[in-house]
Protein backbone atom coordinates (compact mmCIF):
# COMPACT_ATOMS: atom_id res chain seq x y z
CA MET A 1 -11.89 38.92 15.08
CA ILE A 2 -10.84 36.88 18.14
CA ILE A 3 -13.38 34.20 17.23
CA SER A 4 -12.05 34.12 13.66
CA ILE A 5 -8.49 33.60 14.87
CA TYR A 6 -9.66 30.86 17.22
CA SER A 7 -11.56 29.14 14.39
CA PHE A 8 -8.50 29.29 12.18
CA PHE A 9 -6.42 27.71 14.98
CA ILE A 10 -8.95 24.87 15.27
CA LEU A 11 -8.76 24.39 11.50
CA ILE A 12 -4.98 24.01 11.69
CA GLN A 13 -5.31 21.44 14.47
CA ILE A 14 -7.81 19.39 12.48
CA LEU A 15 -5.63 19.50 9.39
CA ASN A 16 -2.74 18.20 11.49
CA ILE A 17 -4.87 15.16 12.28
CA TYR A 18 -5.23 14.36 8.60
CA GLN A 19 -1.61 15.14 7.76
CA SER A 20 0.22 13.72 10.74
CA TYR A 21 2.29 11.10 8.98
CA ILE A 22 5.92 11.38 7.94
CA VAL A 23 7.09 10.51 4.42
CA ILE A 24 10.67 9.52 3.60
CA LYS A 25 11.17 9.36 -0.17
CA PHE A 26 13.73 6.77 -1.25
CA LYS A 27 15.42 6.05 -4.56
CA ARG A 28 17.59 3.11 -5.55
CA TYR A 29 21.23 4.00 -5.14
CA ASN A 30 21.90 2.04 -8.35
CA PRO A 31 18.92 2.92 -10.56
CA ILE A 32 17.34 0.18 -12.65
CA ASN A 33 16.96 2.47 -15.65
CA LYS A 34 20.77 2.49 -15.93
CA GLU A 35 20.85 -1.30 -16.02
CA LEU A 36 22.72 -2.64 -19.04
CA ASN A 37 20.88 -4.98 -21.40
CA ASN A 38 23.94 -7.21 -21.67
CA LYS A 39 24.81 -7.12 -18.00
CA ILE A 40 27.45 -9.32 -16.49
CA ILE A 41 26.78 -11.27 -13.32
CA GLY A 42 28.57 -8.74 -11.12
CA GLU A 43 26.19 -6.02 -12.33
CA PHE A 44 23.24 -8.31 -11.70
CA ILE A 45 24.40 -8.80 -8.10
CA THR A 46 24.78 -5.04 -7.61
CA GLN A 47 21.52 -4.12 -9.29
CA ARG A 48 19.22 -6.90 -8.18
CA ILE A 49 20.45 -8.66 -5.05
CA THR A 50 21.85 -5.78 -3.04
CA ASN A 51 18.93 -3.36 -3.19
CA THR A 52 20.19 -0.13 -1.59
CA TYR A 53 17.65 2.66 -1.01
CA ARG A 54 18.88 6.20 -0.38
CA SER A 55 17.10 9.31 0.80
CA PHE A 56 18.27 12.58 2.38
CA ILE A 57 17.58 13.57 5.97
CA TYR A 58 17.87 17.30 6.59
CA LEU A 59 19.72 17.89 9.86
CA GLY A 60 20.25 21.19 11.68
CA ASP A 61 19.23 24.82 11.09
CA PRO A 62 19.99 25.85 8.42
CA PRO A 63 19.44 22.27 7.26
CA GLN A 64 22.28 20.13 5.98
CA ALA A 65 21.38 17.24 3.64
CA ILE A 66 22.76 14.01 5.08
CA PRO A 67 22.29 10.77 3.08
CA GLY A 68 19.95 8.28 4.74
CA PHE A 69 19.93 4.57 3.86
CA LEU A 70 17.07 2.21 4.56
CA LYS A 71 18.13 -0.73 6.73
CA ALA A 72 15.29 -3.23 6.83
CA ASN A 73 17.42 -5.67 8.83
CA GLN A 74 18.28 -3.14 11.57
CA TYR A 75 16.28 -1.48 14.32
CA SER A 76 17.90 1.84 15.23
CA PHE A 77 17.96 5.29 13.66
CA ILE A 78 21.60 6.36 13.93
CA LEU A 79 24.17 8.68 12.40
CA THR A 80 27.27 6.76 11.38
CA ASN A 81 30.17 6.51 8.96
CA TYR A 82 29.98 2.71 8.68
CA GLU A 83 28.36 1.03 5.65
CA CYS A 84 27.74 4.36 3.95
CA PRO A 85 27.78 4.10 0.13
CA HIS A 86 27.44 7.88 0.20
CA ALA A 87 28.49 10.07 3.14
CA ILE A 88 28.69 13.82 3.81
CA TYR A 89 30.35 15.85 6.56
CA TYR A 90 27.97 17.29 9.12
CA PHE A 91 29.13 20.66 10.50
CA GLU A 92 27.48 21.02 13.90
CA LYS A 93 28.93 24.52 14.40
CA LYS A 94 26.90 25.77 11.44
CA SER A 95 23.61 24.68 13.04
CA LYS A 96 21.88 27.21 15.31
CA THR A 97 19.86 24.42 16.95
CA PHE A 98 22.73 22.06 17.76
CA SER A 99 23.12 21.13 21.41
CA ASN A 100 25.70 18.77 22.86
CA SER A 101 24.48 16.48 25.62
CA ASN A 102 27.99 15.33 26.64
CA GLN A 103 26.51 11.89 27.26
CA LYS A 104 26.75 8.43 25.79
CA ASP A 105 23.89 6.01 25.39
CA TYR A 106 24.94 2.37 24.84
CA ASN A 107 28.20 3.49 23.26
CA TYR A 108 26.40 6.07 21.15
CA TYR A 109 27.33 9.74 21.25
CA LYS A 110 24.15 11.75 21.86
CA PHE A 111 23.29 15.29 20.77
CA PHE A 112 20.20 17.37 19.98
CA ASP A 113 19.33 19.14 16.74
CA SER A 114 16.54 19.81 14.25
CA LEU A 115 15.26 17.25 11.73
CA SER A 116 13.14 18.01 8.66
CA PHE A 117 10.75 15.65 6.82
CA TYR A 118 8.00 15.60 4.21
CA SER A 119 4.46 15.77 5.61
CA SER A 120 2.71 14.19 2.62
CA LEU A 121 3.31 12.35 -0.62
CA ASP A 122 2.73 15.57 -2.56
CA SER A 123 5.20 17.66 -0.55
CA GLU A 124 8.02 19.08 -2.65
CA LYS A 125 9.86 20.62 0.31
CA TYR A 126 10.64 19.44 3.81
CA ASP A 127 7.68 21.08 5.56
CA ILE A 128 7.84 19.40 8.99
CA ILE A 129 10.62 20.66 11.24
CA ILE A 130 11.27 18.80 14.51
CA LYS A 131 13.40 20.75 16.94
CA ASN A 132 15.47 19.34 19.77
CA TYR A 133 15.39 15.78 18.41
CA THR A 134 17.76 13.32 20.08
CA ILE A 135 20.34 12.07 17.56
CA LEU A 136 22.55 9.06 18.22
CA ALA A 137 25.93 8.96 16.51
CA GLU A 138 28.38 6.07 16.47
CA ASN A 139 31.59 8.06 16.13
CA GLU A 140 31.14 11.47 17.77
CA LEU A 141 30.74 13.10 14.35
CA ARG A 142 34.22 12.25 13.15
CA GLY A 143 34.43 12.01 9.36
CA PRO A 144 31.64 12.03 6.74
CA GLN A 145 28.29 10.71 7.92
CA CYS A 146 25.14 8.95 6.77
CA PHE A 147 21.94 7.93 8.53
CA HIS A 148 20.84 4.33 8.98
CA ILE A 149 17.04 4.16 9.06
CA GLY A 150 16.07 0.84 10.63
CA THR A 151 12.64 -0.78 10.26
CA GLN A 152 13.28 -4.24 11.71
CA LEU A 153 11.90 -5.42 15.05
CA LEU A 154 14.03 -5.09 18.16
CA ILE A 155 16.57 -7.90 18.66
CA ASN A 156 19.18 -6.26 20.88
CA GLN A 157 17.37 -5.04 24.02
CA GLU A 158 20.06 -2.43 24.68
CA GLU A 159 18.91 -0.55 21.58
CA LYS A 160 15.31 -0.26 22.80
CA ASP A 161 13.46 2.99 21.94
CA LYS A 162 16.12 4.04 19.43
CA ASN A 163 13.93 3.51 16.38
CA LEU A 164 12.85 6.61 14.41
CA MET A 165 9.18 5.89 15.11
CA ASP A 166 9.87 5.85 18.85
CA GLY A 167 11.26 9.38 18.71
CA LEU A 168 8.56 10.74 16.40
CA HIS A 169 5.79 9.28 18.54
CA LYS A 170 7.37 10.53 21.77
CA GLN A 171 7.40 14.08 20.41
CA LYS A 172 3.80 13.65 19.16
CA ILE A 173 4.78 14.17 15.55
CA ILE A 174 2.98 10.97 14.56
CA LYS A 175 -0.04 9.53 16.32
CA SER A 176 0.26 5.85 15.42
CA TYR A 177 2.93 3.18 14.99
CA TYR A 178 1.64 1.93 11.62
CA TYR A 179 3.91 2.22 8.61
CA GLU A 180 4.17 0.85 5.08
CA TYR A 181 6.40 0.74 2.03
CA GLN A 182 4.73 2.31 -0.98
CA ILE A 183 6.49 1.29 -4.19
CA ASN A 184 6.08 3.79 -7.02
CA ASN A 185 8.23 2.05 -9.65
CA GLU A 186 11.43 0.04 -9.99
CA ASN A 187 13.51 2.93 -8.65
CA GLU A 188 11.35 4.90 -6.22
CA MET A 189 9.74 3.91 -2.96
CA ASN A 190 8.18 5.85 -0.06
CA LEU A 191 8.38 4.89 3.60
CA ILE A 192 5.24 6.28 5.28
CA LEU A 193 5.33 6.49 9.07
CA GLY A 194 2.32 7.09 11.33
CA LEU A 195 -0.60 5.84 9.19
CA GLU A 196 -3.91 6.53 10.93
CA GLU A 197 -6.55 4.56 9.06
CA ASP A 198 -8.72 2.19 11.09
CA PHE A 199 -6.92 -0.89 9.83
CA GLU A 200 -8.05 -3.20 12.62
CA ASN A 201 -11.72 -2.73 11.69
CA ASN A 202 -11.08 -2.90 7.97
CA ASN A 203 -12.20 -6.23 6.49
CA ASN A 204 -9.56 -5.94 3.78
CA TYR A 205 -6.77 -6.37 6.33
CA LYS A 206 -5.85 -9.38 8.39
CA PHE A 207 -3.18 -9.18 11.07
CA ILE A 208 -0.67 -11.84 11.99
CA LYS A 209 2.39 -12.11 14.20
CA PRO A 210 5.92 -12.02 12.78
CA ILE A 211 8.17 -15.07 12.77
CA ILE A 212 10.20 -16.12 15.80
CA VAL A 213 13.95 -16.45 15.41
CA PRO A 214 16.54 -17.64 17.96
CA TYR A 215 19.18 -15.12 18.95
CA THR A 216 21.79 -16.21 21.52
CA SER A 217 19.91 -16.86 24.76
CA GLN A 218 16.81 -14.89 23.70
CA ILE A 219 13.85 -15.60 21.47
CA ASN A 220 13.11 -12.67 19.20
CA MET A 221 10.91 -11.80 16.27
CA LYS A 222 11.49 -10.63 12.70
CA TRP A 223 9.11 -9.46 10.03
CA GLY A 224 8.34 -12.61 8.06
CA LEU A 225 5.85 -15.33 7.13
CA ILE A 226 5.44 -19.04 7.85
CA PHE A 227 3.92 -21.12 5.05
CA GLN A 228 2.37 -24.55 5.42
CA LYS A 229 2.67 -25.67 1.78
CA MET A 230 4.76 -24.80 -1.25
CA TYR A 231 4.24 -25.82 -4.87
CA LEU A 232 6.37 -25.53 -7.99
CA ASN A 233 3.84 -25.78 -10.81
CA ASP A 234 1.77 -28.80 -9.73
CA TYR A 235 4.36 -30.48 -7.51
CA ASN A 236 4.38 -30.22 -3.74
CA VAL A 237 7.90 -29.21 -2.70
CA SER A 238 7.26 -28.77 1.02
CA TYR A 239 9.99 -30.72 2.79
CA SER A 240 8.82 -29.92 6.32
CA LYS A 241 5.69 -28.85 8.17
CA GLU A 242 6.49 -25.19 7.64
CA VAL A 243 8.50 -22.94 5.35
CA LYS A 244 9.83 -19.72 6.87
CA SER A 245 10.56 -16.56 4.93
CA GLU A 246 11.99 -13.26 6.17
CA LEU A 247 10.75 -10.00 4.63
CA ASP A 248 13.52 -7.65 3.53
CA ILE A 249 12.89 -4.93 0.96
CA ASN A 250 16.65 -4.29 0.81
CA CYS A 251 16.91 -7.59 -1.05
CA GLY A 252 16.26 -6.90 -4.72
CA CYS A 253 15.26 -10.47 -5.52
CA ILE A 254 14.15 -13.61 -3.64
CA LEU A 255 16.68 -15.76 -1.79
CA GLY A 256 15.70 -19.43 -1.81
CA ASN A 257 16.58 -21.90 0.89
CA SER A 258 19.07 -24.72 0.31
CA ASP A 259 16.37 -27.39 -0.01
CA PHE A 260 14.72 -25.58 -2.91
CA LYS A 261 18.12 -25.03 -4.51
CA GLU A 262 18.54 -28.79 -4.94
CA TYR A 263 14.92 -29.33 -5.95
CA PHE A 264 15.03 -26.64 -8.63
CA LYS A 265 18.21 -28.13 -10.09
CA ASN A 266 16.49 -31.53 -10.42
CA TYR A 267 13.33 -29.89 -11.77
CA LEU A 268 15.30 -28.32 -14.63
CA ASN A 269 17.03 -31.64 -15.45
CA GLU A 270 13.71 -33.49 -15.55
CA ASN A 271 12.34 -30.91 -18.00
CA GLY A 272 15.31 -31.23 -20.35
CA ILE A 273 16.99 -27.95 -19.37
CA LYS A 274 20.67 -28.70 -18.91
CA ILE A 275 22.19 -25.85 -16.99
CA GLU A 276 24.40 -25.25 -13.98
CA PRO A 277 24.12 -22.18 -11.74
CA ILE A 278 26.85 -19.56 -11.92
CA ARG A 279 28.77 -19.10 -8.70
CA TYR A 280 29.63 -15.52 -7.79
CA GLU A 281 32.68 -15.72 -5.53
CA LYS A 282 31.67 -17.41 -2.26
CA GLU A 283 28.42 -15.54 -1.93
CA TYR A 284 25.70 -16.52 -4.40
CA TYR A 285 24.58 -18.99 -7.05
CA ILE A 286 22.78 -17.35 -9.97
CA TYR A 287 20.82 -18.99 -12.81
CA PHE A 288 21.13 -17.46 -16.25
CA PHE A 289 19.24 -18.99 -19.21
CA GLU A 290 20.40 -18.26 -22.74
CA LYS A 291 17.63 -17.55 -25.24
CA ASN A 292 18.60 -20.28 -27.70
CA MET A 293 19.05 -23.11 -25.19
CA THR A 294 16.94 -26.29 -25.36
CA GLY A 295 13.72 -26.25 -23.33
CA ILE A 296 13.83 -22.52 -22.64
CA ASP A 297 10.10 -22.12 -23.41
CA LYS A 298 9.22 -24.31 -20.42
CA ILE A 299 10.41 -21.74 -17.90
CA LYS A 300 7.68 -19.35 -19.10
CA ASN A 301 5.10 -21.69 -17.57
CA ILE A 302 6.66 -21.59 -14.13
CA ASN A 303 4.47 -20.93 -11.07
CA LEU A 304 5.71 -20.96 -7.51
CA VAL A 305 2.99 -20.93 -4.84
CA PHE A 306 3.31 -20.47 -1.07
CA TYR A 307 0.18 -21.26 0.95
CA HIS A 308 -0.32 -19.40 4.26
CA LYS A 309 -2.95 -21.07 6.40
CA GLU A 310 -3.67 -18.25 8.86
CA LEU A 311 -4.08 -15.69 6.09
CA ASN A 312 -5.92 -18.27 3.96
CA TYR A 313 -4.00 -17.11 0.91
CA ASN A 314 -1.80 -18.46 -1.89
CA PHE A 315 1.15 -16.19 -2.61
CA ASN A 316 1.89 -16.83 -6.25
CA PHE A 317 4.98 -15.98 -8.32
CA ASN A 318 4.87 -16.54 -12.08
CA TYR A 319 7.29 -16.01 -14.97
CA GLU A 320 6.84 -12.23 -14.96
CA ASP A 321 7.72 -12.11 -11.26
CA LEU A 322 10.66 -14.50 -11.37
CA PHE A 323 12.59 -13.71 -14.56
CA LEU A 324 14.48 -10.67 -15.81
CA GLU A 325 15.01 -10.57 -19.57
CA SER A 326 18.16 -9.12 -21.12
CA ASN A 327 19.36 -9.11 -24.74
CA ASN A 328 21.17 -12.41 -24.45
CA GLY A 329 18.99 -14.33 -22.01
CA TYR A 330 17.01 -14.50 -18.77
CA TYR A 331 18.12 -14.05 -15.17
CA PHE A 332 16.27 -16.09 -12.53
CA LEU A 333 15.25 -13.72 -9.72
CA ILE A 334 15.52 -16.45 -7.11
CA ALA A 335 19.16 -16.51 -6.04
CA PHE A 336 20.83 -18.94 -3.64
CA GLU A 337 23.49 -18.19 -1.07
CA TYR A 338 26.79 -20.05 -1.13
CA ASP A 339 26.40 -21.15 2.49
CA PHE A 340 23.52 -23.26 3.76
CA ARG A 341 20.29 -21.33 4.24
CA SER A 342 17.29 -22.83 6.07
CA SER A 343 14.76 -20.03 5.42
CA TRP A 344 13.69 -17.95 2.44
CA LYS A 345 14.04 -14.20 2.09
CA PHE A 346 11.36 -12.28 0.20
CA GLY A 347 12.61 -9.00 -1.24
CA PHE A 348 11.50 -6.43 -3.80
CA PRO A 349 9.47 -8.80 -6.07
CA PHE A 350 7.32 -9.73 -3.06
CA PHE A 351 6.73 -6.14 -1.88
CA LYS A 352 6.01 -5.07 -5.45
CA LYS A 353 3.20 -7.61 -5.75
CA TYR A 354 1.72 -7.84 -2.24
CA LYS A 355 0.81 -5.11 0.22
CA PHE A 356 1.56 -5.29 3.94
CA ILE A 357 1.43 -2.73 6.72
CA PHE A 358 3.45 -3.01 9.91
CA ASN A 359 2.90 -1.89 13.50
CA HIS A 360 6.15 -1.04 15.26
CA ASP A 361 4.54 -1.10 18.73
CA SER A 362 2.18 -4.10 18.67
CA LYS A 363 4.58 -6.10 16.45
CA LEU A 364 1.76 -7.15 14.12
CA MET A 365 1.76 -7.10 10.34
CA GLY A 366 -1.39 -6.63 8.31
CA PHE A 367 -1.91 -8.23 4.92
CA TYR A 368 -4.13 -6.42 2.44
CA CYS A 369 -6.73 -8.79 0.97
CA PRO A 370 -8.23 -7.05 -2.09
CA ASN A 371 -11.43 -9.12 -1.95
CA GLY A 372 -11.72 -9.20 1.83
CA CYS A 373 -10.00 -11.56 4.26
CA GLN A 374 -11.80 -14.79 5.08
CA THR A 375 -11.46 -17.04 8.10
CA ASN A 376 -10.10 -20.55 7.82
CA GLU A 377 -13.56 -22.01 8.43
CA ASN A 378 -14.55 -20.73 4.99
CA ASP A 379 -11.31 -21.78 3.38
CA ASP A 380 -11.87 -23.58 0.07
CA ILE A 381 -8.75 -25.63 0.62
CA ASN A 382 -9.87 -26.81 4.05
CA ASN A 383 -13.33 -27.65 2.71
CA GLY A 384 -11.83 -29.81 -0.02
CA LYS A 385 -12.81 -27.71 -3.02
CA TYR A 386 -9.18 -27.60 -4.08
CA ASN A 387 -7.23 -30.81 -3.84
CA TYR A 388 -3.51 -30.14 -4.09
CA ASP A 389 -2.85 -33.85 -4.57
CA ASN A 390 -4.72 -33.60 -7.87
CA LYS A 391 -2.43 -32.16 -10.56
CA ASP A 392 -5.25 -31.18 -12.91
CA ASN A 393 -6.94 -29.10 -10.25
CA ASP A 394 -3.59 -27.56 -9.35
CA SER A 395 -2.91 -26.26 -12.84
CA LYS A 396 -6.32 -24.64 -13.11
CA THR A 397 -6.13 -23.17 -9.64
CA ILE A 398 -2.71 -21.62 -10.22
CA GLU A 399 -3.73 -20.21 -13.59
CA ASP A 400 -6.82 -18.63 -12.05
CA LYS A 401 -4.73 -17.34 -9.20
CA THR A 402 -2.26 -15.71 -11.57
CA ASN A 403 -5.04 -13.82 -13.33
CA GLN A 404 -6.53 -12.81 -10.00
CA ASP A 405 -3.18 -11.51 -8.73
CA LYS A 406 -2.94 -9.17 -11.73
CA LYS A 407 -6.41 -7.82 -10.94
CA ASN A 408 -5.51 -7.49 -7.27
CA ASN A 409 -2.41 -5.44 -8.01
CA SER A 410 -4.42 -3.05 -10.12
CA LEU A 411 -7.04 -2.81 -7.39
CA VAL A 412 -4.43 -2.03 -4.74
CA ASN A 413 -3.11 0.87 -6.82
CA ASP A 414 -6.67 2.15 -7.33
CA ILE A 415 -7.36 1.98 -3.60
CA ASN A 416 -4.14 3.85 -2.79
CA ASN A 417 -5.14 6.58 -5.24
CA ASN A 418 -8.66 6.69 -3.81
CA ASN A 419 -7.30 7.04 -0.27
CA GLN A 420 -5.17 10.00 -1.35
CA ASN A 421 -8.13 11.56 -3.13
CA SER A 422 -10.31 10.99 -0.06
CA ARG A 423 -7.84 12.86 2.15
CA GLN A 424 -7.82 15.76 -0.28
CA PHE A 425 -11.63 15.75 -0.39
CA VAL A 426 -11.88 15.74 3.42
CA PHE A 427 -9.38 18.60 3.57
CA PHE A 428 -11.45 20.56 1.03
CA ILE A 429 -14.74 19.96 2.89
CA ILE A 430 -13.27 20.95 6.27
CA LEU A 431 -11.78 24.08 4.75
CA ILE A 432 -15.14 25.10 3.26
CA ILE A 433 -16.98 24.43 6.54
CA PHE A 434 -14.58 26.52 8.62
CA LEU A 435 -14.47 29.34 6.10
CA GLY A 436 -18.27 29.30 6.16
CA ILE A 437 -18.27 29.46 9.97
CA ILE A 438 -15.83 32.37 9.95
CA ILE A 439 -17.96 34.25 7.39
CA ILE A 440 -21.14 33.62 9.42
CA VAL A 441 -19.48 34.79 12.65
CA ILE A 442 -18.21 37.96 10.98
CA ALA A 443 -21.66 38.60 9.45
CA ILE A 444 -23.34 38.18 12.84
CA LEU A 445 -20.87 40.60 14.45
CA LEU A 446 -21.41 43.20 11.72
CA PHE A 447 -25.19 42.77 11.92
CA GLY A 448 -25.05 43.16 15.69
CA ILE A 449 -23.01 46.32 15.41
CA PHE A 450 -25.44 47.70 12.82
CA ILE A 451 -28.52 46.91 14.95
CA GLY A 452 -26.78 48.35 18.03
CA LYS A 453 -26.06 51.59 16.27
CA LYS A 454 -29.65 51.79 15.06
CA MET A 455 -31.10 51.15 18.51
CA PHE A 456 -28.65 53.55 20.15
CA GLY A 457 -29.55 56.24 17.62
CA VAL A 458 -33.31 55.82 18.22
CA ARG A 459 -32.87 56.03 21.98
CA LYS A 460 -30.69 59.12 21.65
CA ASN A 461 -33.37 60.86 19.54
CA LYS A 462 -36.08 60.04 22.07
CA VAL A 463 -34.02 61.42 24.90
CA ASN A 464 -33.38 64.64 22.99
CA GLU A 465 -37.12 64.99 22.26
CA LEU A 466 -37.97 64.54 25.96
CA LEU A 467 -35.37 67.09 26.95
CA GLU A 468 -36.74 69.55 24.43
CA LEU A 469 -40.30 68.95 25.71
CA TYR A 470 -39.11 69.39 29.27
CA ASP A 471 -37.37 72.65 28.47
CA TYR A 472 -40.44 73.90 26.58
CA SER A 473 -42.85 73.06 29.44
CA ALA A 474 -40.60 74.66 32.02
CA GLY A 475 -40.35 77.79 29.93
CA GLU A 476 -44.13 78.04 29.56
CA LYS A 477 -44.58 77.74 33.32
CA GLU A 478 -42.12 80.58 33.97
CA LYS A 479 -43.90 82.79 31.48
CA ASN A 480 -47.27 82.12 33.11
CA LYS A 481 -45.89 82.92 36.57
CA GLU A 482 -44.47 86.23 35.38
CA LYS A 483 -47.73 87.08 33.64
CA SER A 484 -49.74 86.36 36.82
CA LYS A 485 -47.49 88.61 38.92
CA LYS A 486 -47.95 91.50 36.52
CA GLU A 487 -51.70 91.14 36.51
CA SER A 488 -51.86 91.06 40.25
């Protein structure tokens, strides 16, 4: 029985290895399925530019559901009442696990309490409970609260080690710093923390460094990409040696830089599309194309390509990626800020189409190459097979690339499903093996007890027979002695 309990304990430990990641399930705060067909520009801004993701973090014991908002441009995991579209009062006196530290950490009020999370994508309840977790609050729990869940790299050194992954890794809840955004549909997305696949030895992933950005007197990094070339259809629109783009899933569209804003305006004029962007206050310029306007069919042939040399890959956006159709026209999903912008910002359309994983500790991001990642020495562009100065070759290349991207997206979804199925299969196999071991151990114990009883019974019978023989022989001797005395 002791061995069986020990085997079961080992089984639990092994299962923890395969289910050690944390899942935070997000939904759009303004769901797309409630989007009006005849939306006005203000609704477009709310629905498509400001992409707010909300989840619920269960705090305390018994747990209290506190709204949590993804902040891809922030680093820390904090409890606050600033920038909370939805906030709820947290009653610390109702929590049996609340503990006040009476300390401040970089102007944050610090306390300890329990946090609850999902342990897998299939979890329907919060089945991981972390006790005595250090919570940072901005306002000493005054007023209704929400969580900010940051996923950006560290910029302010005074906030170091305040990211959620830092705390989870420190308490050995997760075993790695890898994480990813898994988009389910237009409204739902999962943030998976602590992925443990062997990404670095997987030929389908290639890792690169993030982009460097200046910040006061320091040089810091942000999640982003640097492109060497950019093409709109078959025209090179690269104005400098490199084109930078930040990655921000909280942006529901793509924000273009100011150079492309002017180029796109001229591009439309040259193709006979007479239109001016709509200015939304002093924030954004939005393009809206009416369905009956002259030259509208030409926008359906649009292809925007960003070439990344280190990844050896063309990131392609076509009509389906860049336009949102409504009853009365088409919204262009590349918006432009009112103020000057030197870099791009890739939001939801980019994450929907291309898969990246991120390492919070090593500050590396891995791009998933569906057909395997190649080195630049084997690059077709570098070897001259594709000449981007030749417009005919460009058109064919981009068309082929568009078809390939559709296949790649389907393949990525298949691989994600296969990975989930593989985990379930491994779990099933391990369970069978350990149940088999337990059954074998129990059978051996029972067999041993049975054999022991048999052997003990045989020995006992032999001893009794010897005793009986001994008593019989002794009795015979006594009788003979008495008989001899009488005769004599």
